[in-house]
């Protein structure tokens, strides 16, 4: 087991296709730790790194930050995705709002926001 922090293992971020891509941006990891601490609840990474082929298979954007290890789709136990998205925006992350999860990423440049409100 390769721990990245007391709360996250590298395997949680690995591409789901099994290719071995599991790079995690340090800024993203620190933000996920902050989210975990803020809500005092486990954070589940439902999608982390994606290789080009897997990103295409799941219909990801051609410029997806998942392909750079700078994005994660997450769920926080006992916490609505809207509350998670609000806090992630406070942290200065780019945020995608969805009904059942929150996309967060640490892209360069100004943060982007999209999805349901």
PDB file of N, CA and C in Angstrom:
ATOM      1  N   UNK A   1       0.847  -1.173   0.000  1.00  0.00           N
ATOM      2  CA  UNK A   1       0.000   0.000   0.000  1.00  0.00           C
ATOM      3  C   UNK A   1       0.896   1.240   0.000  1.00  0.00           C
ATOM      4  N   UNK A   2       0.596   2.156  -0.879  1.00  0.00           N
ATOM      5  CA  UNK A   2       1.409   3.361  -1.022  1.00  0.00           C
ATOM      6  C   UNK A   2       0.592   4.569  -0.541  1.00  0.00           C
ATOM      7  N   UNK A   3       0.825   4.982   0.709  1.00  0.00           N
ATOM      8  CA  UNK A   3       0.082   6.101   1.278  1.00  0.00           C
ATOM      9  C   UNK A   3       0.635   7.429   0.770  1.00  0.00           C
ATOM     10  N   UNK A   4      -0.268   8.285   0.311  1.00  0.00           N
ATOM     11  CA  UNK A   4       0.095   9.643  -0.092  1.00  0.00           C
ATOM     12  C   UNK A   4      -0.103  10.609   1.068  1.00  0.00           C
ATOM     13  N   UNK A   5      -1.002  10.245   1.969  1.00  0.00           N
ATOM     14  CA  UNK A   5      -1.319  11.047   3.145  1.00  0.00           C
ATOM     15  C   UNK A   5      -1.986  10.102   4.137  1.00  0.00           C
ATOM     16  N   UNK A   6      -2.287  10.580   5.325  1.00  0.00           N
ATOM     17  CA  UNK A   6      -3.012   9.708   6.271  1.00  0.00           C
ATOM     18  C   UNK A   6      -4.392   9.288   5.755  1.00  0.00           C
ATOM     19  N   UNK A   7      -4.917  10.002   4.761  1.00  0.00           N
ATOM     20  CA  UNK A   7      -6.272   9.741   4.283  1.00  0.00           C
ATOM     21  C   UNK A   7      -6.362   9.106   2.901  1.00  0.00           C
ATOM     22  N   UNK A   8      -5.299   9.165   2.119  1.00  0.00           N
ATOM     23  CA  UNK A   8      -5.383   8.730   0.725  1.00  0.00           C
ATOM     24  C   UNK A   8      -4.248   7.786   0.344  1.00  0.00           C
ATOM     25  N   UNK A   9      -4.615   6.752  -0.419  1.00  0.00           N
ATOM     26  CA  UNK A   9      -3.649   5.816  -0.984  1.00  0.00           C
ATOM     27  C   UNK A   9      -3.519   6.114  -2.477  1.00  0.00           C
ATOM     28  N   UNK A  10      -2.335   5.917  -3.008  1.00  0.00           N
ATOM     29  CA  UNK A  10      -2.102   6.144  -4.433  1.00  0.00           C
ATOM     30  C   UNK A  10      -3.088   5.339  -5.287  1.00  0.00           C
ATOM     31  N   UNK A  11      -3.406   4.133  -4.849  1.00  0.00           N
ATOM     32  CA  UNK A  11      -4.302   3.261  -5.628  1.00  0.00           C
ATOM     33  C   UNK A  11      -5.677   3.900  -5.852  1.00  0.00           C
ATOM     34  N   UNK A  12      -6.087   4.765  -4.956  1.00  0.00           N
ATOM     35  CA  UNK A  12      -7.399   5.407  -5.102  1.00  0.00           C
ATOM     36  C   UNK A  12      -7.457   6.308  -6.332  1.00  0.00           C
ATOM     37  N   UNK A  13      -6.304   6.778  -6.781  1.00  0.00           N
ATOM     38  CA  UNK A  13      -6.232   7.705  -7.905  1.00  0.00           C
ATOM     39  C   UNK A  13      -5.897   7.009  -9.225  1.00  0.00           C
ATOM     40  N   UNK A  14      -5.548   5.733  -9.175  1.00  0.00           N
ATOM     41  CA  UNK A  14      -5.085   5.014 -10.360  1.00  0.00           C
ATOM     42  C   UNK A  14      -6.169   4.920 -11.432  1.00  0.00           C
ATOM     43  N   UNK A  15      -5.729   4.988 -12.676  1.00  0.00           N
ATOM     44  CA  UNK A  15      -6.632   4.838 -13.828  1.00  0.00           C
ATOM     45  C   UNK A  15      -7.357   3.503 -13.710  1.00  0.00           C
ATOM     46  N   UNK A  16      -8.660   3.533 -13.940  1.00  0.00           N
ATOM     47  CA  UNK A  16      -9.506   2.354 -13.767  1.00  0.00           C
ATOM     48  C   UNK A  16      -9.249   1.264 -14.806  1.00  0.00           C
ATOM     49  N   UNK A  17      -8.513   1.586 -15.885  1.00  0.00           N
ATOM     50  CA  UNK A  17      -8.264   0.575 -16.916  1.00  0.00           C
ATOM     51  C   UNK A  17      -7.152  -0.386 -16.524  1.00  0.00           C
ATOM     52  N   UNK A  18      -6.397  -0.034 -15.471  1.00  0.00           N
ATOM     53  CA  UNK A  18      -5.317  -0.906 -15.024  1.00  0.00           C
ATOM     54  C   UNK A  18      -3.979  -0.632 -15.680  1.00  0.00           C
ATOM     55  N   UNK A  19      -3.864   0.477 -16.404  1.00  0.00           N
ATOM     56  CA  UNK A  19      -2.624   0.793 -17.129  1.00  0.00           C
ATOM     57  C   UNK A  19      -1.471   1.187 -16.203  1.00  0.00           C
ATOM     58  N   UNK A  20      -1.793   1.564 -14.951  1.00  0.00           N
ATOM     59  CA  UNK A  20      -0.749   1.940 -14.008  1.00  0.00           C
ATOM     60  C   UNK A  20      -0.574   3.432 -13.821  1.00  0.00           C
ATOM     61  N   UNK A  21      -1.273   4.259 -14.582  1.00  0.00           N
ATOM     62  CA  UNK A  21      -1.164   5.713 -14.436  1.00  0.00           C
ATOM     63  C   UNK A  21      -1.799   6.109 -13.113  1.00  0.00           C
ATOM     64  N   UNK A  22      -0.978   6.657 -12.202  1.00  0.00           N
ATOM     65  CA  UNK A  22      -1.488   7.016 -10.875  1.00  0.00           C
ATOM     66  C   UNK A  22      -0.828   8.269 -10.306  1.00  0.00           C
ATOM     67  N   UNK A  23      -0.376   9.153 -11.170  1.00  0.00           N
ATOM     68  CA  UNK A  23       0.250  10.401 -10.736  1.00  0.00           C
ATOM     69  C   UNK A  23      -0.808  11.327 -10.137  1.00  0.00           C
ATOM     70  N   UNK A  24      -0.487  11.928  -8.991  1.00  0.00           N
ATOM     71  CA  UNK A  24      -1.426  12.841  -8.346  1.00  0.00           C
ATOM     72  C   UNK A  24      -0.724  14.175  -8.113  1.00  0.00           C
ATOM     73  N   UNK A  25      -1.325  15.235  -8.595  1.00  0.00           N
ATOM     74  CA  UNK A  25      -0.801  16.578  -8.402  1.00  0.00           C
ATOM     75  C   UNK A  25      -0.815  16.919  -6.911  1.00  0.00           C
ATOM     76  N   UNK A  26       0.281  17.505  -6.428  1.00  0.00           N
ATOM     77  CA  UNK A  26       0.397  17.838  -5.004  1.00  0.00           C
ATOM     78  C   UNK A  26      -0.647  18.857  -4.561  1.00  0.00           C
ATOM     79  N   UNK A  27      -0.964  19.820  -5.406  1.00  0.00           N
ATOM     80  CA  UNK A  27      -1.973  20.830  -5.052  1.00  0.00           C
ATOM     81  C   UNK A  27      -3.346  20.171  -4.908  1.00  0.00           C
ATOM     82  N   UNK A  28      -3.661  19.258  -5.816  1.00  0.00           N
ATOM     83  CA  UNK A  28      -4.928  18.529  -5.736  1.00  0.00           C
ATOM     84  C   UNK A  28      -4.989  17.713  -4.446  1.00  0.00           C
ATOM     85  N   UNK A  29      -3.922  17.004  -4.144  1.00  0.00           N
ATOM     86  CA  UNK A  29      -3.893  16.180  -2.935  1.00  0.00           C
ATOM     87  C   UNK A  29      -4.095  17.036  -1.686  1.00  0.00           C
ATOM     88  N   UNK A  30      -3.424  18.162  -1.602  1.00  0.00           N
ATOM     89  CA  UNK A  30      -3.593  19.048  -0.441  1.00  0.00           C
ATOM     90  C   UNK A  30      -5.032  19.552  -0.332  1.00  0.00           C
ATOM     91  N   UNK A  31      -5.646  19.847  -1.467  1.00  0.00           N
ATOM     92  CA  UNK A  31      -7.041  20.297  -1.456  1.00  0.00           C
ATOM     93  C   UNK A  31      -7.974  19.185  -0.979  1.00  0.00           C
ATOM     94  N   UNK A  32      -7.723  17.959  -1.404  1.00  0.00           N
ATOM     95  CA  UNK A  32      -8.557  16.842  -0.964  1.00  0.00           C
ATOM     96  C   UNK A  32      -8.395  16.590   0.536  1.00  0.00           C
ATOM     97  N   UNK A  33      -7.188  16.774   1.034  1.00  0.00           N
ATOM     98  CA  UNK A  33      -6.962  16.659   2.479  1.00  0.00           C
ATOM     99  C   UNK A  33      -7.737  17.758   3.212  1.00  0.00           C
ATOM    100  N   UNK A  34      -7.720  18.960   2.659  1.00  0.00           N
ATOM    101  CA  UNK A  34      -8.469  20.071   3.268  1.00  0.00           C
ATOM    102  C   UNK A  34      -9.969  19.784   3.262  1.00  0.00           C
ATOM    103  N   UNK A  35     -10.477  19.230   2.180  1.00  0.00           N
ATOM    104  CA  UNK A  35     -11.899  18.884   2.087  1.00  0.00           C
ATOM    105  C   UNK A  35     -12.241  17.826   3.138  1.00  0.00           C
ATOM    106  N   UNK A  36     -11.391  16.823   3.242  1.00  0.00           N
ATOM    107  CA  UNK A  36     -11.609  15.750   4.222  1.00  0.00           C
ATOM    108  C   UNK A  36     -11.620  16.330   5.644  1.00  0.00           C
ATOM    109  N   UNK A  37     -10.688  17.205   5.933  1.00  0.00           N
ATOM    110  CA  UNK A  37     -10.598  17.811   7.269  1.00  0.00           C
ATOM    111  C   UNK A  37     -11.779  18.736   7.553  1.00  0.00           C
ATOM    112  N   UNK A  38     -12.163  19.522   6.553  1.00  0.00           N
ATOM    113  CA  UNK A  38     -13.260  20.478   6.730  1.00  0.00           C
ATOM    114  C   UNK A  38     -14.567  19.772   7.093  1.00  0.00           C
ATOM    115  N   UNK A  39     -14.880  18.706   6.364  1.00  0.00           N
ATOM    116  CA  UNK A  39     -16.141  17.994   6.605  1.00  0.00           C
ATOM    117  C   UNK A  39     -16.001  16.889   7.655  1.00  0.00           C
ATOM    118  N   UNK A  40     -14.756  16.560   8.013  1.00  0.00           N
ATOM    119  CA  UNK A  40     -14.473  15.494   8.971  1.00  0.00           C
ATOM    120  C   UNK A  40     -15.176  14.194   8.581  1.00  0.00           C
ATOM    121  N   UNK A  41     -15.125  13.904   7.276  1.00  0.00           N
ATOM    122  CA  UNK A  41     -15.742  12.713   6.714  1.00  0.00           C
ATOM    123  C   UNK A  41     -14.815  12.138   5.638  1.00  0.00           C
ATOM    124  N   UNK A  42     -14.872  10.823   5.421  1.00  0.00           N
ATOM    125  CA  UNK A  42     -14.058  10.232   4.353  1.00  0.00           C
ATOM    126  C   UNK A  42     -14.414  10.796   2.982  1.00  0.00           C
ATOM    127  N   UNK A  43     -13.399  10.945   2.146  1.00  0.00           N
ATOM    128  CA  UNK A  43     -13.555  11.380   0.764  1.00  0.00           C
ATOM    129  C   UNK A  43     -13.277  10.170  -0.119  1.00  0.00           C
ATOM    130  N   UNK A  44     -14.235   9.825  -0.970  1.00  0.00           N
ATOM    131  CA  UNK A  44     -14.076   8.700  -1.888  1.00  0.00           C
ATOM    132  C   UNK A  44     -13.773   9.261  -3.274  1.00  0.00           C
ATOM    133  N   UNK A  45     -12.658   8.820  -3.852  1.00  0.00           N
ATOM    134  CA  UNK A  45     -12.289   9.213  -5.212  1.00  0.00           C
ATOM    135  C   UNK A  45     -12.935   8.210  -6.156  1.00  0.00           C
ATOM    136  N   UNK A  46     -13.942   8.675  -6.909  1.00  0.00           N
ATOM    137  CA  UNK A  46     -14.631   7.773  -7.832  1.00  0.00           C
ATOM    138  C   UNK A  46     -13.952   7.734  -9.193  1.00  0.00           C
ATOM    139  N   UNK A  47     -13.217   8.782  -9.522  1.00  0.00           N
ATOM    140  CA  UNK A  47     -12.421   8.806 -10.751  1.00  0.00           C
ATOM    141  C   UNK A  47     -11.250   9.747 -10.531  1.00  0.00           C
ATOM    142  N   UNK A  48     -10.048   9.227 -10.698  1.00  0.00           N
ATOM    143  CA  UNK A  48      -8.839  10.033 -10.542  1.00  0.00           C
ATOM    144  C   UNK A  48      -8.133  10.155 -11.881  1.00  0.00           C
ATOM    145  N   UNK A  49      -6.979   9.523 -11.966  1.00  0.00           N
ATOM    146  CA  UNK A  49      -6.196   9.574 -13.202  1.00  0.00           C
ATOM    147  C   UNK A  49      -6.892   8.799 -14.320  1.00  0.00           C
ATOM    148  N   UNK A  50      -6.727   9.303 -15.527  1.00  0.00           N
ATOM    149  CA  UNK A  50      -7.242   8.604 -16.709  1.00  0.00           C
ATOM    150  C   UNK A  50      -6.204   8.679 -17.810  1.00  0.00           C
ATOM    151  N   UNK A  51      -5.859   7.530 -18.363  1.00  0.00           N
ATOM    152  CA  UNK A  51      -5.022   7.537 -19.554  1.00  0.00           C
ATOM    153  C   UNK A  51      -5.895   7.994 -20.720  1.00  0.00           C
ATOM    154  N   UNK A  52      -5.278   8.296 -21.827  1.00  0.00           N
ATOM    155  CA  UNK A  52      -6.015   8.782 -23.002  1.00  0.00           C
ATOM    156  C   UNK A  52      -7.120   7.807 -23.419  1.00  0.00           C
ATOM    157  N   UNK A  53      -6.792   6.516 -23.466  1.00  0.00           N
ATOM    158  CA  UNK A  53      -7.773   5.520 -23.921  1.00  0.00           C
ATOM    159  C   UNK A  53      -8.958   5.432 -22.956  1.00  0.00           C
ATOM    160  N   UNK A  54      -8.684   5.408 -21.664  1.00  0.00           N
ATOM    161  CA  UNK A  54      -9.779   5.308 -20.689  1.00  0.00           C
ATOM    162  C   UNK A  54     -10.623   6.580 -20.712  1.00  0.00           C
ATOM    163  N   UNK A  55      -9.979   7.724 -20.821  1.00  0.00           N
ATOM    164  CA  UNK A  55     -10.717   8.982 -20.882  1.00  0.00           C
ATOM    165  C   UNK A  55     -11.676   8.986 -22.068  1.00  0.00           C
ATOM    166  N   UNK A  56     -11.213   8.485 -23.195  1.00  0.00           N
ATOM    167  CA  UNK A  56     -12.067   8.399 -24.383  1.00  0.00           C
ATOM    168  C   UNK A  56     -13.239   7.449 -24.128  1.00  0.00           C
ATOM    169  N   UNK A  57     -12.953   6.294 -23.513  1.00  0.00           N
ATOM    170  CA  UNK A  57     -14.002   5.296 -23.238  1.00  0.00           C
ATOM    171  C   UNK A  57     -15.103   5.851 -22.343  1.00  0.00           C
ATOM    172  N   UNK A  58     -14.735   6.701 -21.371  1.00  0.00           N
ATOM    173  CA  UNK A  58     -15.746   7.212 -20.440  1.00  0.00           C
ATOM    174  C   UNK A  58     -16.360   8.529 -20.916  1.00  0.00           C
ATOM    175  N   UNK A  59     -15.970   8.971 -22.105  1.00  0.00           N
ATOM    176  CA  UNK A  59     -16.543  10.192 -22.658  1.00  0.00           C
ATOM    177  C   UNK A  59     -15.981  11.463 -22.053  1.00  0.00           C
ATOM    178  N   UNK A  60     -14.757  11.401 -21.533  1.00  0.00           N
ATOM    179  CA  UNK A  60     -14.132  12.576 -20.931  1.00  0.00           C
ATOM    180  C   UNK A  60     -13.740  13.613 -21.968  1.00  0.00           C
ATOM    181  N   UNK A  61     -13.572  14.831 -21.521  1.00  0.00           N
ATOM    182  CA  UNK A  61     -13.158  15.937 -22.376  1.00  0.00           C
ATOM    183  C   UNK A  61     -11.772  15.670 -22.951  1.00  0.00           C
ATOM    184  N   UNK A  62     -11.536  16.133 -24.159  1.00  0.00           N
ATOM    185  CA  UNK A  62     -10.210  15.973 -24.765  1.00  0.00           C
ATOM    186  C   UNK A  62      -9.140  16.700 -23.967  1.00  0.00           C
ATOM    187  N   UNK A  63      -9.528  17.762 -23.262  1.00  0.00           N
ATOM    188  CA  UNK A  63      -8.568  18.519 -22.449  1.00  0.00           C
ATOM    189  C   UNK A  63      -8.715  18.193 -20.960  1.00  0.00           C
ATOM    190  N   UNK A  64      -9.238  17.013 -20.639  1.00  0.00           N
ATOM    191  CA  UNK A  64      -9.512  16.619 -19.260  1.00  0.00           C
ATOM    192  C   UNK A  64      -8.283  16.730 -18.366  1.00  0.00           C
ATOM    193  N   UNK A  65      -8.477  17.315 -17.200  1.00  0.00           N
ATOM    194  CA  UNK A  65      -7.409  17.403 -16.205  1.00  0.00           C
ATOM    195  C   UNK A  65      -7.128  16.033 -15.571  1.00  0.00           C
ATOM    196  N   UNK A  66      -8.053  15.096 -15.708  1.00  0.00           N
ATOM    197  CA  UNK A  66      -7.823  13.725 -15.237  1.00  0.00           C
ATOM    198  C   UNK A  66      -6.609  13.125 -15.943  1.00  0.00           C
ATOM    199  N   UNK A  67      -6.394  13.479 -17.201  1.00  0.00           N
ATOM    200  CA  UNK A  67      -5.270  12.940 -17.982  1.00  0.00           C
ATOM    201  C   UNK A  67      -3.921  13.479 -17.514  1.00  0.00           C
ATOM    202  N   UNK A  68      -3.949  14.510 -16.677  1.00  0.00           N
ATOM    203  CA  UNK A  68      -2.721  15.116 -16.157  1.00  0.00           C
ATOM    204  C   UNK A  68      -2.527  14.807 -14.669  1.00  0.00           C
ATOM    205  N   UNK A  69      -3.413  14.016 -14.086  1.00  0.00           N
ATOM    206  CA  UNK A  69      -3.328  13.731 -12.654  1.00  0.00           C
ATOM    207  C   UNK A  69      -3.696  14.918 -11.790  1.00  0.00           C
ATOM    208  N   UNK A  70      -4.461  15.853 -12.375  1.00  0.00           N
ATOM    209  CA  UNK A  70      -4.818  17.082 -11.665  1.00  0.00           C
ATOM    210  C   UNK A  70      -6.299  17.159 -11.332  1.00  0.00           C
ATOM    211  N   UNK A  71      -7.036  16.053 -11.483  1.00  0.00           N
ATOM    212  CA  UNK A  71      -8.481  16.082 -11.245  1.00  0.00           C
ATOM    213  C   UNK A  71      -8.937  14.826 -10.516  1.00  0.00           C
ATOM    214  N   UNK A  72     -10.012  14.995  -9.769  1.00  0.00           N
ATOM    215  CA  UNK A  72     -10.665  13.863  -9.117  1.00  0.00           C
ATOM    216  C   UNK A  72     -12.162  14.130  -9.046  1.00  0.00           C
ATOM    217  N   UNK A  73     -12.919  13.088  -9.301  1.00  0.00           N
ATOM    218  CA  UNK A  73     -14.350  13.122  -9.042  1.00  0.00           C
ATOM    219  C   UNK A  73     -14.508  12.488  -7.668  1.00  0.00           C
ATOM    220  N   UNK A  74     -15.207  13.182  -6.778  1.00  0.00           N
ATOM    221  CA  UNK A  74     -15.249  12.737  -5.381  1.00  0.00           C
ATOM    222  C   UNK A  74     -16.659  12.742  -4.813  1.00  0.00           C
ATOM    223  N   UNK A  75     -16.815  11.937  -3.771  1.00  0.00           N
ATOM    224  CA  UNK A  75     -17.998  11.944  -2.922  1.00  0.00           C
ATOM    225  C   UNK A  75     -17.493  12.041  -1.495  1.00  0.00           C
ATOM    226  N   UNK A  76     -18.148  12.857  -0.688  1.00  0.00           N
ATOM    227  CA  UNK A  76     -17.803  12.981   0.718  1.00  0.00           C
ATOM    228  C   UNK A  76     -18.947  12.373   1.519  1.00  0.00           C
ATOM    229  N   UNK A  77     -18.602  11.419   2.359  1.00  0.00           N
ATOM    230  CA  UNK A  77     -19.612  10.699   3.139  1.00  0.00           C
ATOM    231  C   UNK A  77     -20.515  11.675   3.893  1.00  0.00           C
ATOM    232  N   UNK A  78     -21.814  11.431   3.816  1.00  0.00           N
ATOM    233  CA  UNK A  78     -22.830  12.196   4.552  1.00  0.00           C
ATOM    234  C   UNK A  78     -22.834  13.686   4.213  1.00  0.00           C
ATOM    235  N   UNK A  79     -22.375  14.041   3.027  1.00  0.00           N
ATOM    236  CA  UNK A  79     -22.294  15.447   2.631  1.00  0.00           C
ATOM    237  C   UNK A  79     -22.790  15.597   1.202  1.00  0.00           C
ATOM    238  N   UNK A  80     -23.633  16.574   0.958  1.00  0.00           N
ATOM    239  CA  UNK A  80     -24.176  16.761  -0.393  1.00  0.00           C
ATOM    240  C   UNK A  80     -23.083  17.256  -1.336  1.00  0.00           C
ATOM    241  N   UNK A  81     -23.160  16.841  -2.599  1.00  0.00           N
ATOM    242  CA  UNK A  81     -22.200  17.345  -3.581  1.00  0.00           C
ATOM    243  C   UNK A  81     -22.193  18.871  -3.680  1.00  0.00           C
ATOM    244  N   UNK A  82     -23.337  19.499  -3.452  1.00  0.00           N
ATOM    245  CA  UNK A  82     -23.403  20.965  -3.522  1.00  0.00           C
ATOM    246  C   UNK A  82     -22.542  21.608  -2.434  1.00  0.00           C
ATOM    247  N   UNK A  83     -22.590  21.069  -1.209  1.00  0.00           N
ATOM    248  CA  UNK A  83     -21.764  21.606  -0.128  1.00  0.00           C
ATOM    249  C   UNK A  83     -20.287  21.383  -0.404  1.00  0.00           C
ATOM    250  N   UNK A  84     -19.952  20.219  -0.954  1.00  0.00           N
ATOM    251  CA  UNK A  84     -18.557  19.932  -1.304  1.00  0.00           C
ATOM    252  C   UNK A  84     -18.090  20.915  -2.371  1.00  0.00           C
ATOM    253  N   UNK A  85     -18.921  21.145  -3.383  1.00  0.00           N
ATOM    254  CA  UNK A  85     -18.559  22.074  -4.462  1.00  0.00           C
ATOM    255  C   UNK A  85     -18.364  23.492  -3.919  1.00  0.00           C
ATOM    256  N   UNK A  86     -19.249  23.928  -3.039  1.00  0.00           N
ATOM    257  CA  UNK A  86     -19.114  25.270  -2.458  1.00  0.00           C
ATOM    258  C   UNK A  86     -17.770  25.424  -1.751  1.00  0.00           C
ATOM    259  N   UNK A  87     -17.406  24.420  -0.951  1.00  0.00           N
ATOM    260  CA  UNK A  87     -16.146  24.512  -0.222  1.00  0.00           C
ATOM    261  C   UNK A  87     -14.945  24.425  -1.175  1.00  0.00           C
ATOM    262  N   UNK A  88     -15.024  23.564  -2.167  1.00  0.00           N
ATOM    263  CA  UNK A  88     -13.927  23.444  -3.139  1.00  0.00           C
ATOM    264  C   UNK A  88     -13.708  24.770  -3.868  1.00  0.00           C
ATOM    265  N   UNK A  89     -14.785  25.484  -4.157  1.00  0.00           N
ATOM    266  CA  UNK A  89     -14.652  26.806  -4.778  1.00  0.00           C
ATOM    267  C   UNK A  89     -13.941  27.765  -3.832  1.00  0.00           C
ATOM    268  N   UNK A  90     -14.259  27.702  -2.543  1.00  0.00           N
ATOM    269  CA  UNK A  90     -13.570  28.546  -1.560  1.00  0.00           C
ATOM    270  C   UNK A  90     -12.065  28.269  -1.550  1.00  0.00           C
ATOM    271  N   UNK A  91     -11.693  27.028  -1.833  1.00  0.00           N
ATOM    272  CA  UNK A  91     -10.275  26.654  -1.873  1.00  0.00           C
ATOM    273  C   UNK A  91      -9.582  27.119  -3.156  1.00  0.00           C
ATOM    274  N   UNK A  92     -10.369  27.624  -4.111  1.00  0.00           N
ATOM    275  CA  UNK A  92      -9.789  28.103  -5.367  1.00  0.00           C
ATOM    276  C   UNK A  92      -9.621  27.044  -6.432  1.00  0.00           C
ATOM    277  N   UNK A  93     -10.310  25.912  -6.264  1.00  0.00           N
ATOM    278  CA  UNK A  93     -10.241  24.837  -7.252  1.00  0.00           C
ATOM    279  C   UNK A  93     -11.216  25.082  -8.393  1.00  0.00           C
ATOM    280  N   UNK A  94     -10.952  24.458  -9.518  1.00  0.00           N
ATOM    281  CA  UNK A  94     -11.963  24.370 -10.567  1.00  0.00           C
ATOM    282  C   UNK A  94     -12.950  23.303 -10.117  1.00  0.00           C
ATOM    283  N   UNK A  95     -14.237  23.555 -10.350  1.00  0.00           N
ATOM    284  CA  UNK A  95     -15.280  22.693  -9.794  1.00  0.00           C
ATOM    285  C   UNK A  95     -16.347  22.388 -10.834  1.00  0.00           C
ATOM    286  N   UNK A  96     -16.647  21.111 -10.960  1.00  0.00           N
ATOM    287  CA  UNK A  96     -17.784  20.663 -11.755  1.00  0.00           C
ATOM    288  C   UNK A  96     -18.845  20.154 -10.799  1.00  0.00           C
ATOM    289  N   UNK A  97     -20.033  20.722 -10.901  1.00  0.00           N
ATOM    290  CA  UNK A  97     -21.140  20.343 -10.012  1.00  0.00           C
ATOM    291  C   UNK A  97     -22.025  19.318 -10.712  1.00  0.00           C
ATOM    292  N   UNK A  98     -22.207  18.192 -10.056  1.00  0.00           N
ATOM    293  CA  UNK A  98     -23.061  17.121 -10.572  1.00  0.00           C
ATOM    294  C   UNK A  98     -24.000  16.686  -9.449  1.00  0.00           C
ATOM    295  N   UNK A  99     -25.053  15.965  -9.806  1.00  0.00           N
ATOM    296  CA  UNK A  99     -26.052  15.558  -8.819  1.00  0.00           C
ATOM    297  C   UNK A  99     -25.505  14.580  -7.784  1.00  0.00           C
ATOM    298  N   UNK A 100     -24.587  13.696  -8.192  1.00  0.00           N
ATOM    299  CA  UNK A 100     -24.158  12.625  -7.288  1.00  0.00           C
ATOM    300  C   UNK A 100     -22.690  12.686  -6.888  1.00  0.00           C
ATOM    301  N   UNK A 101     -21.925  13.607  -7.454  1.00  0.00           N
ATOM    302  CA  UNK A 101     -20.511  13.734  -7.116  1.00  0.00           C
ATOM    303  C   UNK A 101     -20.053  15.146  -7.439  1.00  0.00           C
ATOM    304  N   UNK A 102     -18.813  15.443  -7.046  1.00  0.00           N
ATOM    305  CA  UNK A 102     -18.202  16.733  -7.342  1.00  0.00           C
ATOM    306  C   UNK A 102     -16.883  16.497  -8.051  1.00  0.00           C
ATOM    307  N   UNK A 103     -16.672  17.208  -9.150  1.00  0.00           N
ATOM    308  CA  UNK A 103     -15.371  17.183  -9.842  1.00  0.00           C
ATOM    309  C   UNK A 103     -14.558  18.338  -9.282  1.00  0.00           C
ATOM    310  N   UNK A 104     -13.316  18.052  -8.894  1.00  0.00           N
ATOM    311  CA  UNK A 104     -12.397  19.103  -8.456  1.00  0.00           C
ATOM    312  C   UNK A 104     -11.102  18.953  -9.231  1.00  0.00           C
ATOM    313  N   UNK A 105     -10.513  20.088  -9.614  1.00  0.00           N
ATOM    314  CA  UNK A 105      -9.205  19.996 -10.254  1.00  0.00           C
ATOM    315  C   UNK A 105      -8.350  21.214  -9.955  1.00  0.00           C
ATOM    316  N   UNK A 106      -7.062  21.010 -10.124  1.00  0.00           N
ATOM    317  CA  UNK A 106      -6.049  22.008  -9.773  1.00  0.00           C
ATOM    318  C   UNK A 106      -5.365  22.563 -11.012  1.00  0.00           C
ATOM    319  N   UNK A 107      -6.121  22.753 -12.078  1.00  0.00           N
ATOM    320  CA  UNK A 107      -5.557  23.250 -13.342  1.00  0.00           C
ATOM    321  C   UNK A 107      -4.850  24.584 -13.144  1.00  0.00           C
ATOM    322  N   UNK A 108      -3.932  24.871 -14.057  1.00  0.00           N
ATOM    323  CA  UNK A 108      -3.258  26.169 -14.073  1.00  0.00           C
ATOM    324  C   UNK A 108      -4.235  27.230 -14.566  1.00  0.00           C
ATOM    325  N   UNK A 109      -4.007  28.460 -14.165  1.00  0.00           N
ATOM    326  CA  UNK A 109      -4.868  29.547 -14.612  1.00  0.00           C
ATOM    327  C   UNK A 109      -6.063  29.715 -13.707  1.00  0.00           C
ATOM    328  N   UNK A 110      -6.975  30.587 -14.130  1.00  0.00           N
ATOM    329  CA  UNK A 110      -8.147  30.859 -13.292  1.00  0.00           C
ATOM    330  C   UNK A 110      -9.048  29.626 -13.179  1.00  0.00           C
ATOM    331  N   UNK A 111      -9.652  29.439 -12.004  1.00  0.00           N
ATOM    332  CA  UNK A 111     -10.557  28.295 -11.828  1.00  0.00           C
ATOM    333  C   UNK A 111     -11.765  28.384 -12.761  1.00  0.00           C
ATOM    334  N   UNK A 112     -12.249  27.223 -13.180  1.00  0.00           N
ATOM    335  CA  UNK A 112     -13.467  27.124 -13.982  1.00  0.00           C
ATOM    336  C   UNK A 112     -14.553  26.494 -13.133  1.00  0.00           C
ATOM    337  N   UNK A 113     -15.783  26.843 -13.434  1.00  0.00           N
ATOM    338  CA  UNK A 113     -16.949  26.289 -12.744  1.00  0.00           C
ATOM    339  C   UNK A 113     -17.967  25.841 -13.793  1.00  0.00           C
ATOM    340  N   UNK A 114     -18.588  24.696 -13.577  1.00  0.00           N
ATOM    341  CA  UNK A 114     -19.638  24.249 -14.480  1.00  0.00           C
ATOM    342  C   UNK A 114     -20.554  23.276 -13.745  1.00  0.00           C
ATOM    343  N   UNK A 115     -21.690  22.997 -14.355  1.00  0.00           N
ATOM    344  CA  UNK A 115     -22.624  22.011 -13.829  1.00  0.00           C
ATOM    345  C   UNK A 115     -23.833  22.606 -13.160  1.00  0.00           C
ATOM    346  N   UNK A 116     -24.579  21.749 -12.478  1.00  0.00           N
ATOM    347  CA  UNK A 116     -25.844  22.144 -11.850  1.00  0.00           C
ATOM    348  C   UNK A 116     -25.604  23.083 -10.672  1.00  0.00           C
ATOM    349  N   UNK A 117     -26.570  23.906 -10.394  1.00  0.00           N
ATOM    350  CA  UNK A 117     -26.499  24.841  -9.253  1.00  0.00           C
ATOM    351  C   UNK A 117     -27.619  24.543  -8.291  1.00  0.00           C
TER     352      UNK A 117
END
